[in-house]
Amino acid sequence: MPENTRAPDVLEEEIKLQAANAMRWSSQVFIILSLLRVSKETLDILDTTQLTTHEHNCLQDLCDIFKPFQVVADLVQGEQSVTASLVIPCV
């Protein structure tokens, strides 16, 4: 990566990477998903260590596994509606 090229400048055209949020476990899933959305060409420009195909697939599988849990967490954390009635159907 040239000295004057900064990662935020390169990623400006791509999807912004999600920052961690200590209050919600699902923020880790958002971080992984945002990383997986960055194109290989952009990662090449940044001269980063590339994920292997196996690592990429493992991260995608992890996101697929956690997606239903994320949906349930979002449903039962609502502030504008009654959510207690959703707990048993979600389980």
N, C-alpha and C. Protein backbone atom coordinates (compact mmCIF):
# COMPACT_ATOMS: atom_id res chain seq x y z
N MET A 1 0.87 -1.17 0.00
CA MET A 1 0.00 0.00 0.00
C MET A 1 0.90 1.22 0.00
N PRO A 2 0.70 2.18 -0.91
CA PRO A 2 1.50 3.40 -0.92
C PRO A 2 1.34 4.15 0.40
N GLU A 3 2.39 4.91 0.73
CA GLU A 3 2.40 5.61 2.02
C GLU A 3 1.23 6.57 2.19
N ASN A 4 0.78 7.19 1.10
CA ASN A 4 -0.29 8.18 1.21
C ASN A 4 -1.69 7.58 1.11
N THR A 5 -1.80 6.26 0.96
CA THR A 5 -3.10 5.60 0.90
C THR A 5 -3.48 5.13 2.29
N ARG A 6 -4.64 5.60 2.74
CA ARG A 6 -5.11 5.20 4.06
C ARG A 6 -6.31 4.27 3.89
N ALA A 7 -6.44 3.30 4.81
CA ALA A 7 -7.54 2.34 4.74
C ALA A 7 -8.90 3.02 4.70
N PRO A 8 -9.17 4.04 5.55
CA PRO A 8 -10.50 4.68 5.47
C PRO A 8 -10.79 5.29 4.10
N ASP A 9 -9.74 5.80 3.44
CA ASP A 9 -9.93 6.39 2.12
C ASP A 9 -10.28 5.32 1.09
N VAL A 10 -9.62 4.19 1.17
CA VAL A 10 -9.88 3.10 0.23
C VAL A 10 -11.25 2.48 0.48
N LEU A 11 -11.60 2.30 1.76
CA LEU A 11 -12.86 1.66 2.12
C LEU A 11 -14.06 2.59 1.98
N GLU A 12 -13.80 3.86 1.73
CA GLU A 12 -14.86 4.84 1.57
C GLU A 12 -15.85 4.43 0.49
N GLU A 13 -15.35 3.81 -0.58
CA GLU A 13 -16.20 3.37 -1.68
C GLU A 13 -16.90 2.05 -1.36
N GLU A 14 -16.38 1.32 -0.40
CA GLU A 14 -16.95 0.03 -0.01
C GLU A 14 -17.93 0.23 1.14
N ILE A 15 -18.50 -0.87 1.60
CA ILE A 15 -19.36 -0.84 2.77
C ILE A 15 -18.50 -0.52 3.98
N LYS A 16 -18.96 0.36 4.83
CA LYS A 16 -18.20 0.72 6.02
C LYS A 16 -18.12 -0.48 6.95
N LEU A 17 -16.96 -0.69 7.53
CA LEU A 17 -16.79 -1.77 8.48
C LEU A 17 -17.52 -1.43 9.76
N GLN A 18 -18.16 -2.41 10.33
CA GLN A 18 -18.92 -2.23 11.57
C GLN A 18 -17.96 -2.19 12.75
N ALA A 19 -18.20 -1.28 13.66
CA ALA A 19 -17.39 -1.20 14.88
C ALA A 19 -18.00 -2.12 15.95
N ALA A 20 -17.18 -2.56 16.87
CA ALA A 20 -17.65 -3.43 17.95
C ALA A 20 -18.52 -2.65 18.91
N ASN A 21 -19.44 -3.35 19.53
CA ASN A 21 -20.33 -2.76 20.52
C ASN A 21 -20.35 -3.71 21.71
N ALA A 22 -19.82 -3.29 22.83
CA ALA A 22 -19.70 -4.16 23.99
C ALA A 22 -21.05 -4.52 24.59
N MET A 23 -22.10 -3.76 24.28
CA MET A 23 -23.40 -4.00 24.87
C MET A 23 -24.18 -5.12 24.17
N ARG A 24 -23.86 -5.41 22.93
CA ARG A 24 -24.62 -6.41 22.18
C ARG A 24 -23.69 -7.45 21.58
N TRP A 25 -23.94 -8.72 21.92
CA TRP A 25 -23.11 -9.79 21.39
C TRP A 25 -23.22 -9.87 19.88
N SER A 26 -24.38 -9.52 19.33
CA SER A 26 -24.58 -9.66 17.90
C SER A 26 -23.75 -8.67 17.08
N SER A 27 -23.15 -7.69 17.76
CA SER A 27 -22.29 -6.76 17.00
C SER A 27 -21.10 -7.50 16.39
N GLN A 28 -20.69 -8.61 17.01
CA GLN A 28 -19.60 -9.40 16.44
C GLN A 28 -20.01 -9.99 15.10
N VAL A 29 -21.27 -10.41 14.97
CA VAL A 29 -21.77 -10.94 13.71
C VAL A 29 -21.76 -9.83 12.66
N PHE A 30 -22.18 -8.62 13.05
CA PHE A 30 -22.17 -7.50 12.11
C PHE A 30 -20.75 -7.18 11.65
N ILE A 31 -19.78 -7.28 12.56
CA ILE A 31 -18.38 -7.03 12.19
C ILE A 31 -17.93 -8.04 11.14
N ILE A 32 -18.22 -9.31 11.39
CA ILE A 32 -17.81 -10.36 10.44
C ILE A 32 -18.49 -10.15 9.09
N LEU A 33 -19.79 -9.87 9.11
CA LEU A 33 -20.51 -9.64 7.85
C LEU A 33 -19.95 -8.45 7.08
N SER A 34 -19.62 -7.38 7.79
CA SER A 34 -19.08 -6.21 7.09
C SER A 34 -17.71 -6.53 6.49
N LEU A 35 -16.92 -7.35 7.18
CA LEU A 35 -15.62 -7.76 6.65
C LEU A 35 -15.80 -8.63 5.41
N LEU A 36 -16.75 -9.54 5.44
CA LEU A 36 -16.98 -10.44 4.31
C LEU A 36 -17.49 -9.69 3.08
N ARG A 37 -18.08 -8.51 3.27
CA ARG A 37 -18.60 -7.72 2.14
C ARG A 37 -17.52 -6.93 1.40
N VAL A 38 -16.37 -6.75 2.02
CA VAL A 38 -15.29 -5.99 1.37
C VAL A 38 -14.72 -6.85 0.24
N SER A 39 -14.62 -6.27 -0.93
CA SER A 39 -14.17 -7.03 -2.10
C SER A 39 -12.70 -7.43 -1.98
N LYS A 40 -12.36 -8.51 -2.67
CA LYS A 40 -10.98 -9.00 -2.67
C LYS A 40 -10.04 -7.95 -3.27
N GLU A 41 -10.52 -7.24 -4.28
CA GLU A 41 -9.70 -6.21 -4.92
C GLU A 41 -9.34 -5.10 -3.92
N THR A 42 -10.31 -4.72 -3.10
CA THR A 42 -10.05 -3.68 -2.10
C THR A 42 -9.06 -4.18 -1.06
N LEU A 43 -9.21 -5.42 -0.63
CA LEU A 43 -8.26 -5.98 0.33
C LEU A 43 -6.86 -6.05 -0.28
N ASP A 44 -6.77 -6.32 -1.59
CA ASP A 44 -5.47 -6.34 -2.27
C ASP A 44 -4.83 -4.95 -2.24
N ILE A 45 -5.64 -3.90 -2.46
CA ILE A 45 -5.13 -2.53 -2.43
C ILE A 45 -4.57 -2.21 -1.05
N LEU A 46 -5.28 -2.69 -0.02
CA LEU A 46 -4.85 -2.41 1.36
C LEU A 46 -3.67 -3.26 1.78
N ASP A 47 -3.31 -4.25 0.95
CA ASP A 47 -2.18 -5.13 1.24
C ASP A 47 -2.36 -5.81 2.60
N THR A 48 -3.56 -6.31 2.84
CA THR A 48 -3.84 -6.99 4.09
C THR A 48 -3.61 -8.48 3.93
N THR A 49 -3.50 -9.15 5.04
CA THR A 49 -3.41 -10.60 5.01
C THR A 49 -4.76 -11.13 4.55
N GLN A 50 -4.75 -11.92 3.52
CA GLN A 50 -6.00 -12.42 2.94
C GLN A 50 -6.54 -13.60 3.74
N LEU A 51 -7.85 -13.68 3.80
CA LEU A 51 -8.48 -14.85 4.38
C LEU A 51 -8.36 -15.99 3.38
N THR A 52 -8.09 -17.17 3.89
CA THR A 52 -8.10 -18.33 3.00
C THR A 52 -9.55 -18.64 2.67
N THR A 53 -9.75 -19.44 1.66
CA THR A 53 -11.10 -19.84 1.29
C THR A 53 -11.77 -20.56 2.46
N HIS A 54 -11.02 -21.40 3.15
CA HIS A 54 -11.56 -22.13 4.30
C HIS A 54 -11.98 -21.15 5.41
N GLU A 55 -11.14 -20.16 5.70
CA GLU A 55 -11.48 -19.17 6.73
C GLU A 55 -12.71 -18.37 6.33
N HIS A 56 -12.77 -17.96 5.08
CA HIS A 56 -13.92 -17.21 4.58
C HIS A 56 -15.19 -18.04 4.73
N ASN A 57 -15.13 -19.31 4.34
CA ASN A 57 -16.29 -20.19 4.45
C ASN A 57 -16.69 -20.41 5.91
N CYS A 58 -15.71 -20.56 6.80
CA CYS A 58 -16.01 -20.73 8.23
C CYS A 58 -16.71 -19.49 8.79
N LEU A 59 -16.23 -18.31 8.42
CA LEU A 59 -16.87 -17.08 8.89
C LEU A 59 -18.29 -16.95 8.34
N GLN A 60 -18.47 -17.33 7.08
CA GLN A 60 -19.82 -17.28 6.48
C GLN A 60 -20.74 -18.27 7.19
N ASP A 61 -20.24 -19.48 7.47
CA ASP A 61 -21.04 -20.47 8.20
C ASP A 61 -21.40 -19.97 9.59
N LEU A 62 -20.44 -19.35 10.26
CA LEU A 62 -20.68 -18.80 11.59
C LEU A 62 -21.81 -17.77 11.55
N CYS A 63 -21.77 -16.89 10.56
CA CYS A 63 -22.83 -15.88 10.42
C CYS A 63 -24.18 -16.54 10.13
N ASP A 64 -24.17 -17.57 9.30
CA ASP A 64 -25.42 -18.27 8.99
C ASP A 64 -26.00 -18.93 10.24
N ILE A 65 -25.14 -19.47 11.10
CA ILE A 65 -25.59 -20.11 12.34
C ILE A 65 -26.16 -19.09 13.30
N PHE A 66 -25.49 -17.94 13.43
CA PHE A 66 -25.91 -16.94 14.41
C PHE A 66 -27.05 -16.05 13.94
N LYS A 67 -27.35 -16.04 12.66
CA LYS A 67 -28.40 -15.16 12.13
C LYS A 67 -29.75 -15.35 12.83
N PRO A 68 -30.24 -16.59 13.03
CA PRO A 68 -31.52 -16.75 13.74
C PRO A 68 -31.47 -16.22 15.17
N PHE A 69 -30.34 -16.38 15.85
CA PHE A 69 -30.20 -15.88 17.21
C PHE A 69 -30.22 -14.35 17.22
N GLN A 70 -29.63 -13.76 16.21
CA GLN A 70 -29.63 -12.30 16.09
C GLN A 70 -31.05 -11.79 15.87
N VAL A 71 -31.81 -12.46 15.03
CA VAL A 71 -33.20 -12.06 14.76
C VAL A 71 -34.02 -12.13 16.05
N VAL A 72 -33.86 -13.23 16.80
CA VAL A 72 -34.59 -13.39 18.06
C VAL A 72 -34.18 -12.31 19.05
N ALA A 73 -32.89 -12.05 19.17
CA ALA A 73 -32.41 -11.03 20.10
C ALA A 73 -33.01 -9.67 19.74
N ASP A 74 -33.06 -9.36 18.46
CA ASP A 74 -33.64 -8.08 18.03
C ASP A 74 -35.13 -8.02 18.35
N LEU A 75 -35.83 -9.14 18.19
CA LEU A 75 -37.27 -9.17 18.47
C LEU A 75 -37.57 -8.94 19.94
N VAL A 76 -36.84 -9.61 20.82
CA VAL A 76 -37.16 -9.54 22.25
C VAL A 76 -36.56 -8.31 22.93
N GLN A 77 -35.76 -7.54 22.22
CA GLN A 77 -35.19 -6.33 22.80
C GLN A 77 -35.94 -5.08 22.38
N GLY A 78 -37.08 -5.24 21.77
CA GLY A 78 -37.86 -4.09 21.32
C GLY A 78 -38.31 -3.21 22.47
N GLU A 79 -38.42 -1.93 22.20
CA GLU A 79 -38.84 -0.98 23.22
C GLU A 79 -40.22 -0.41 22.94
N GLN A 80 -40.71 -0.57 21.72
CA GLN A 80 -41.97 0.05 21.33
C GLN A 80 -43.15 -0.93 21.34
N SER A 81 -42.89 -2.20 21.63
CA SER A 81 -43.96 -3.20 21.63
C SER A 81 -43.73 -4.21 22.73
N VAL A 82 -44.76 -5.00 23.01
CA VAL A 82 -44.66 -6.04 24.02
C VAL A 82 -43.85 -7.19 23.45
N THR A 83 -42.77 -7.56 24.13
CA THR A 83 -41.89 -8.59 23.58
C THR A 83 -41.90 -9.87 24.40
N ALA A 84 -42.43 -9.85 25.60
CA ALA A 84 -42.43 -11.04 26.45
C ALA A 84 -43.17 -12.20 25.77
N SER A 85 -44.20 -11.88 25.00
CA SER A 85 -44.97 -12.93 24.33
C SER A 85 -44.18 -13.60 23.20
N LEU A 86 -43.06 -13.03 22.80
CA LEU A 86 -42.26 -13.61 21.72
C LEU A 86 -41.23 -14.60 22.22
N VAL A 87 -40.95 -14.60 23.52
CA VAL A 87 -39.87 -15.42 24.05
C VAL A 87 -40.10 -16.91 23.80
N ILE A 88 -41.24 -17.44 24.19
CA ILE A 88 -41.49 -18.88 24.04
C ILE A 88 -41.54 -19.29 22.57
N PRO A 89 -42.25 -18.58 21.69
CA PRO A 89 -42.21 -18.99 20.26
C PRO A 89 -40.80 -18.93 19.66
N CYS A 90 -39.98 -18.01 20.11
CA CYS A 90 -38.62 -17.90 19.58
C CYS A 90 -37.75 -19.06 20.04
N VAL A 91 -38.00 -19.53 21.27
CA VAL A 91 -37.21 -20.64 21.79
C VAL A 91 -37.56 -21.90 21.02
